[in-house]
Amino acid sequence: MSNSKLPERPSLEHLKKLAKNRLQEMRRTDPDAKLAAALLHVARELGYPSWRALKAKIDGQRARTIENPVMRFLAVANVDRSIAFYRDALGFEVKQQEGRIEATLGPARIQFGKQGYGPGDFEFRNPQQPGTMILFLQCDDVVAARTAFRARGASPSEIEKVNWIKMRMFEIRDPDGNVLWFGQSYHKGQDSPSRRDSQPHGLRQALPELPFDNVPAAVRYYRDVLGFRINYQQDDLGVMDRDAITVLLIARTEQHKGIGSFGTYVSDVDALYAELLANNARILGEPVSHPWGLRNFIVLDLEGNRITFSQTFE
């Protein structure tokens, strides 16, 4: 039977409602009719032999919805083995692309070879070996993705909440041991401005306070080296703005002592790194991409307060 009646983006909840309506119709002639029979009826109308087969198809389609663009040259020991795994266990589409074999899943594109290269290594200077690479794939339904991958024979880990980046994630390892992280924001659809404004206490922006022995020197450093603008200044206070964030530079006292820190998201972490490097900022290292989908670097100001600049990637 043909399954051409299934919409491009079918809703399982909508089909369940159809089955419940169908059950009411069936009970007019058969009071003992069960929901399972109505579910089967809906599945067969759409060209599937069972409700389970229909649900697996929908879960598979939902799992294919990868939201973040990824382009990676992945290091593998056996190309044919890897192609079979990414195609059969993960649902990638494998095709010949300009003489190369490429696997695609939504906007994610992977090419296989004996050596792999990390994101941003466009000049191929730092080859990586099989089993050492990490990919982050953001999907629109992490539960459906995990269910579909298990049904295909993959062995995903349990879904875990990674609170500090507010994502639900699970891991799959390919035959070489390369790690694939699949994640979904667990506040997706709830963090729009209208949503925030509707909250009872209207929290909008954090204002980190960093202590200094010499506030005027700190103000100059944040202006000349870190690129902030002076919003307001006095001997024991500097209000510093850059783009959408504000930082308060305060005098170090008994109530405000020690070393402070804060983190902020940026739109282009590598461009900011290059800017601050040219300004001779105290940078602790080059930007690093982490498996949980953040690329960041750390700066210390002139009295050791710590700032982490992060960008989501892939």
Protein backbone atom coordinates (compact mmCIF):
# COMPACT_ATOMS: atom_id res chain seq x y z
CA MET A 1 0.00 0.00 0.00
CA SER A 2 1.18 3.52 -0.73
CA ASN A 3 1.94 5.88 2.14
CA SER A 4 1.71 9.00 -0.01
CA LYS A 5 -1.18 10.30 2.13
CA LEU A 6 1.16 11.01 5.04
CA PRO A 7 1.87 14.78 5.30
CA GLU A 8 5.43 16.05 5.01
CA ARG A 9 5.48 17.00 8.72
CA PRO A 10 2.84 14.72 10.29
CA SER A 11 1.63 15.23 13.85
CA LEU A 12 1.31 12.11 15.97
CA GLU A 13 -1.06 13.91 18.34
CA HIS A 14 -3.33 14.86 15.44
CA LEU A 15 -3.43 11.25 14.24
CA LYS A 16 -4.28 10.07 17.76
CA LYS A 17 -7.23 12.47 17.77
CA LEU A 18 -8.34 11.07 14.42
CA ALA A 19 -8.17 7.58 15.91
CA LYS A 20 -10.31 8.63 18.89
CA ASN A 21 -12.90 10.11 16.53
CA ARG A 22 -12.78 6.91 14.49
CA LEU A 23 -13.30 4.89 17.69
CA GLN A 24 -16.51 6.78 18.42
CA GLU A 25 -17.77 5.95 14.92
CA MET A 26 -16.81 2.28 15.32
CA ARG A 27 -18.64 1.98 18.65
CA ARG A 28 -21.91 2.96 17.01
CA THR A 29 -21.95 -0.46 15.43
CA ASP A 30 -19.60 -2.29 17.82
CA PRO A 31 -19.84 -1.08 21.45
CA ASP A 32 -16.86 -3.24 22.39
CA ALA A 33 -14.47 -1.66 19.86
CA LYS A 34 -11.04 -0.81 21.30
CA LEU A 35 -8.73 2.13 20.65
CA ALA A 36 -6.11 -0.23 19.28
CA ALA A 37 -8.47 -1.15 16.45
CA ALA A 38 -9.07 2.53 15.65
CA LEU A 39 -5.33 3.22 15.65
CA LEU A 40 -4.80 0.30 13.27
CA HIS A 41 -7.56 1.60 11.02
CA VAL A 42 -5.92 5.05 10.78
CA ALA A 43 -2.51 3.51 10.11
CA ARG A 44 -3.85 1.34 7.28
CA GLU A 45 -5.67 4.26 5.72
CA LEU A 46 -2.27 5.98 5.50
CA GLY A 47 -0.63 2.91 3.97
CA TYR A 48 1.06 1.35 7.02
CA PRO A 49 0.51 -2.21 8.26
CA SER A 50 0.33 -1.19 11.92
CA TRP A 51 0.18 1.81 14.25
CA ARG A 52 3.69 0.92 15.42
CA ALA A 53 5.02 1.17 11.87
CA LEU A 54 3.30 4.52 11.37
CA LYS A 55 4.67 5.87 14.66
CA ALA A 56 8.20 4.69 13.76
CA LYS A 57 7.93 6.51 10.43
CA ILE A 58 6.82 9.75 12.11
CA ASP A 59 9.48 9.49 14.80
CA GLY A 60 12.06 8.94 12.09
CA GLN A 61 10.94 12.01 10.17
CA ARG A 62 11.02 14.11 13.34
CA ALA A 63 14.47 12.78 14.19
CA ARG A 64 15.72 13.90 10.78
CA THR A 65 14.96 17.51 11.62
CA ILE A 66 18.47 18.71 12.47
CA GLU A 67 18.41 22.44 12.98
CA ASN A 68 22.06 23.49 12.99
CA PRO A 69 24.24 23.51 9.86
CA VAL A 70 27.28 21.25 10.24
CA MET A 71 30.05 20.63 7.72
CA ARG A 72 32.69 18.21 8.92
CA PHE A 73 35.49 16.10 7.49
CA LEU A 74 35.29 13.09 9.80
CA ALA A 75 38.20 10.77 10.49
CA VAL A 76 37.28 7.08 10.10
CA ALA A 77 39.26 3.87 9.74
CA ASN A 78 36.88 2.17 7.30
CA VAL A 79 34.82 4.38 5.01
CA ASP A 80 32.38 1.65 3.95
CA ARG A 81 31.69 0.69 7.57
CA SER A 82 31.07 4.31 8.52
CA ILE A 83 28.78 4.91 5.57
CA ALA A 84 26.70 1.88 6.57
CA PHE A 85 26.43 3.11 10.17
CA TYR A 86 25.49 6.70 9.37
CA ARG A 87 23.02 5.56 6.71
CA ASP A 88 21.39 2.58 8.44
CA ALA A 89 21.62 3.47 12.14
CA LEU A 90 21.32 7.26 11.99
CA GLY A 91 19.26 7.79 8.85
CA PHE A 92 21.75 9.92 6.91
CA GLU A 93 21.33 10.11 3.17
CA VAL A 94 24.54 9.03 1.43
CA LYS A 95 25.36 10.32 -2.03
CA GLN A 96 28.25 10.99 -4.37
CA GLN A 97 29.19 14.68 -4.34
CA GLU A 98 31.82 15.96 -6.78
CA GLY A 99 33.82 12.76 -6.58
CA ARG A 100 33.44 12.51 -2.79
CA ILE A 101 31.01 10.49 -0.69
CA GLU A 102 28.90 12.73 1.52
CA ALA A 103 26.34 11.88 4.20
CA THR A 104 23.60 14.43 4.91
CA LEU A 105 20.90 14.74 7.57
CA GLY A 106 18.98 18.01 7.23
CA PRO A 107 21.61 20.79 7.10
CA ALA A 108 24.32 18.47 8.51
CA ARG A 109 26.93 17.32 5.99
CA ILE A 110 29.73 14.83 6.71
CA GLN A 111 32.54 13.62 4.48
CA PHE A 112 34.66 10.64 5.53
CA GLY A 113 38.41 10.17 5.31
CA LYS A 114 41.47 8.81 7.09
CA GLN A 115 41.96 12.22 8.71
CA GLY A 116 39.38 14.61 10.05
CA TYR A 117 39.34 18.32 10.78
CA GLY A 118 37.63 20.34 13.46
CA PRO A 119 35.24 23.27 12.93
CA GLY A 120 37.06 26.39 11.81
CA ASP A 121 40.13 24.47 10.57
CA PHE A 122 39.53 25.64 7.02
CA GLU A 123 43.22 25.40 6.11
CA PHE A 124 43.44 21.77 7.28
CA ARG A 125 46.42 22.42 9.53
CA ASN A 126 45.45 20.17 12.45
CA PRO A 127 44.39 16.73 11.23
CA GLN A 128 42.59 14.53 13.74
CA GLN A 129 42.58 10.76 13.89
CA PRO A 130 39.62 8.33 13.99
CA GLY A 131 37.96 8.16 17.39
CA THR A 132 39.03 11.62 18.51
CA MET A 133 36.34 13.81 16.96
CA ILE A 134 33.18 15.30 18.45
CA LEU A 135 30.11 16.54 16.56
CA PHE A 136 27.18 18.47 18.00
CA LEU A 137 23.81 18.15 16.26
CA GLN A 138 20.85 20.18 17.48
CA CYS A 139 17.48 18.53 16.81
CA ASP A 140 13.94 19.76 17.24
CA ASP A 141 12.79 16.71 19.24
CA VAL A 142 15.50 14.96 21.23
CA VAL A 143 13.17 12.23 22.53
CA ALA A 144 11.92 11.33 19.06
CA ALA A 145 15.48 11.35 17.72
CA ARG A 146 16.69 8.94 20.41
CA THR A 147 13.69 6.66 19.86
CA ALA A 148 14.26 6.57 16.11
CA PHE A 149 17.98 5.87 16.46
CA ARG A 150 17.33 3.00 18.87
CA ALA A 151 14.79 1.55 16.47
CA ARG A 152 17.45 1.65 13.76
CA GLY A 153 19.92 -0.30 15.92
CA ALA A 154 22.08 2.50 17.35
CA SER A 155 22.94 2.60 21.06
CA PRO A 156 22.23 6.13 22.32
CA SER A 157 22.94 7.06 25.92
CA GLU A 158 20.19 8.19 28.25
CA ILE A 159 18.95 11.75 27.81
CA GLU A 160 20.51 14.11 30.35
CA LYS A 161 19.86 17.71 31.25
CA VAL A 162 22.94 19.90 30.87
CA ASN A 163 21.71 22.74 33.03
CA TRP A 164 24.38 25.34 32.41
CA ILE A 165 23.68 25.39 28.67
CA LYS A 166 19.98 24.53 29.20
CA MET A 167 19.88 21.57 26.84
CA ARG A 168 18.68 17.98 26.93
CA MET A 169 21.30 15.79 25.29
CA PHE A 170 22.26 12.22 24.50
CA GLU A 171 25.39 10.68 23.02
CA ILE A 172 26.04 8.17 20.26
CA ARG A 173 29.46 6.80 19.32
CA ASP A 174 30.15 5.71 15.78
CA PRO A 175 32.14 2.53 14.96
CA ASP A 176 35.44 4.42 15.35
CA GLY A 177 34.51 5.98 18.68
CA ASN A 178 33.84 9.48 17.33
CA VAL A 179 31.25 11.15 19.57
CA LEU A 180 27.98 12.60 18.31
CA TRP A 181 26.01 14.77 20.72
CA PHE A 182 22.34 15.33 19.92
CA GLY A 183 20.75 18.18 21.87
CA GLN A 184 17.62 20.26 22.23
CA SER A 185 17.03 23.35 24.33
CA TYR A 186 14.60 22.47 27.09
CA HIS A 187 13.37 26.05 27.07
CA LYS A 188 12.76 26.02 23.32
CA GLY A 189 9.82 28.19 22.41
CA GLN A 190 9.67 29.68 25.91
CA ASP A 191 12.44 32.26 25.83
CA SER A 192 11.04 34.84 23.40
CA PRO A 193 10.77 38.49 24.54
CA SER A 194 7.00 38.19 24.84
CA ARG A 195 7.44 35.12 27.03
CA ARG A 196 9.96 36.86 29.27
CA ASP A 197 7.82 39.96 29.57
CA SER A 198 4.88 37.84 30.70
CA GLN A 199 6.76 36.45 33.68
CA PRO A 200 5.48 37.72 37.04
CA HIS A 201 8.74 39.39 38.09
CA GLY A 202 9.99 40.46 34.66
CA LEU A 203 13.67 39.48 34.99
CA ARG A 204 15.44 41.02 31.99
CA GLN A 205 19.24 41.40 32.34
CA ALA A 206 22.03 40.51 34.73
CA LEU A 207 24.47 43.26 35.80
CA PRO A 208 27.69 41.63 37.01
CA GLU A 209 29.73 43.58 39.59
CA LEU A 210 33.52 43.20 39.48
CA PRO A 211 35.70 44.51 42.36
CA PHE A 212 38.86 46.61 41.85
CA ASP A 213 41.42 48.34 44.00
CA ASN A 214 41.76 50.97 41.27
CA VAL A 215 38.41 51.64 39.62
CA PRO A 216 39.61 54.47 37.30
CA ALA A 217 42.34 52.19 35.92
CA ALA A 218 39.77 49.44 35.45
CA VAL A 219 37.50 51.82 33.53
CA ARG A 220 40.35 52.70 31.18
CA TYR A 221 41.18 49.02 30.66
CA TYR A 222 37.60 48.07 29.83
CA ARG A 223 37.36 51.02 27.46
CA ASP A 224 40.73 50.83 25.71
CA VAL A 225 41.42 47.09 25.75
CA LEU A 226 38.05 45.33 25.98
CA GLY A 227 36.12 47.79 23.83
CA PHE A 228 33.48 48.91 26.33
CA ARG A 229 31.89 52.35 26.38
CA ILE A 230 31.73 54.46 29.55
CA ASN A 231 28.09 54.87 30.53
CA TYR A 232 28.88 56.50 33.88
CA GLN A 233 32.01 57.00 35.96
CA GLN A 234 33.05 58.16 39.41
CA ASP A 235 36.00 57.31 41.64
CA ASP A 236 34.46 54.13 43.06
CA LEU A 237 32.16 53.11 40.22
CA GLY A 238 32.31 52.52 36.47
CA VAL A 239 29.24 51.58 34.46
CA MET A 240 30.52 50.04 31.24
CA ASP A 241 28.45 49.09 28.18
CA ARG A 242 29.27 46.98 25.17
CA ASP A 243 26.51 46.05 22.77
CA ALA A 244 23.67 44.57 24.87
CA ILE A 245 25.54 43.99 28.15
CA THR A 246 26.44 46.28 31.07
CA VAL A 247 29.17 45.59 33.62
CA LEU A 248 29.58 47.43 36.93
CA LEU A 249 33.16 48.08 38.07
CA ILE A 250 33.05 48.66 41.81
CA ALA A 251 35.56 49.42 44.55
CA ARG A 252 37.00 46.43 46.39
CA THR A 253 35.94 46.65 50.06
CA GLU A 254 35.36 44.27 52.95
CA GLN A 255 31.89 43.65 51.59
CA HIS A 256 33.09 43.37 48.00
CA LYS A 257 36.46 41.66 47.89
CA GLY A 258 38.19 38.86 46.07
CA ILE A 259 37.95 38.11 42.35
CA GLY A 260 34.81 38.23 40.26
CA SER A 261 33.77 36.56 37.02
CA PHE A 262 31.00 36.48 34.47
CA GLY A 263 30.23 35.01 31.07
CA THR A 264 28.47 36.39 28.03
CA TYR A 265 27.34 35.06 24.66
CA VAL A 266 28.71 36.74 21.53
CA SER A 267 27.81 36.47 17.86
CA ASP A 268 31.38 35.93 16.53
CA VAL A 269 33.80 34.64 19.13
CA ASP A 270 36.76 34.37 16.74
CA ALA A 271 36.42 37.97 15.54
CA LEU A 272 36.24 39.18 19.14
CA TYR A 273 39.28 37.08 20.03
CA ALA A 274 41.25 38.68 17.19
CA GLU A 275 40.16 42.16 18.32
CA LEU A 276 41.13 41.63 21.95
CA LEU A 277 44.38 39.90 20.97
CA ALA A 278 45.33 42.97 18.94
CA ASN A 279 44.56 45.13 22.00
CA ASN A 280 46.96 43.04 24.14
CA ALA A 281 44.22 41.75 26.42
CA ARG A 282 45.17 39.06 28.95
CA ILE A 283 43.74 36.09 27.05
CA LEU A 284 44.19 32.63 28.57
CA GLY A 285 44.08 30.78 25.26
CA GLU A 286 42.61 30.58 21.79
CA PRO A 287 38.88 29.88 21.32
CA VAL A 288 38.04 26.23 21.99
CA SER A 289 35.00 24.32 20.71
CA HIS A 290 33.36 22.07 23.29
CA PRO A 291 31.17 18.99 22.64
CA TRP A 292 28.15 20.65 24.22
CA GLY A 293 27.96 23.19 21.42
CA LEU A 294 29.89 26.20 22.77
CA ARG A 295 33.06 27.78 21.45
CA ASN A 296 34.69 30.16 23.91
CA PHE A 297 37.78 31.82 25.31
CA ILE A 298 38.65 33.46 28.63
CA VAL A 299 40.06 36.89 29.39
CA LEU A 300 41.44 38.22 32.68
CA ASP A 301 41.20 41.94 33.35
CA LEU A 302 44.01 43.92 34.92
CA GLU A 303 43.15 42.72 38.47
CA GLY A 304 42.36 39.13 37.60
CA ASN A 305 38.58 39.18 37.19
CA ARG A 306 37.58 36.50 34.71
CA ILE A 307 35.38 36.97 31.62
CA THR A 308 34.27 34.08 29.40
CA PHE A 309 33.12 34.93 25.88
CA SER A 310 31.05 32.12 24.29
CA GLN A 311 29.37 31.44 20.98
CA THR A 312 27.03 28.60 20.12
CA PHE A 313 28.22 26.67 17.08
CA GLU A 314 27.04 24.04 14.61
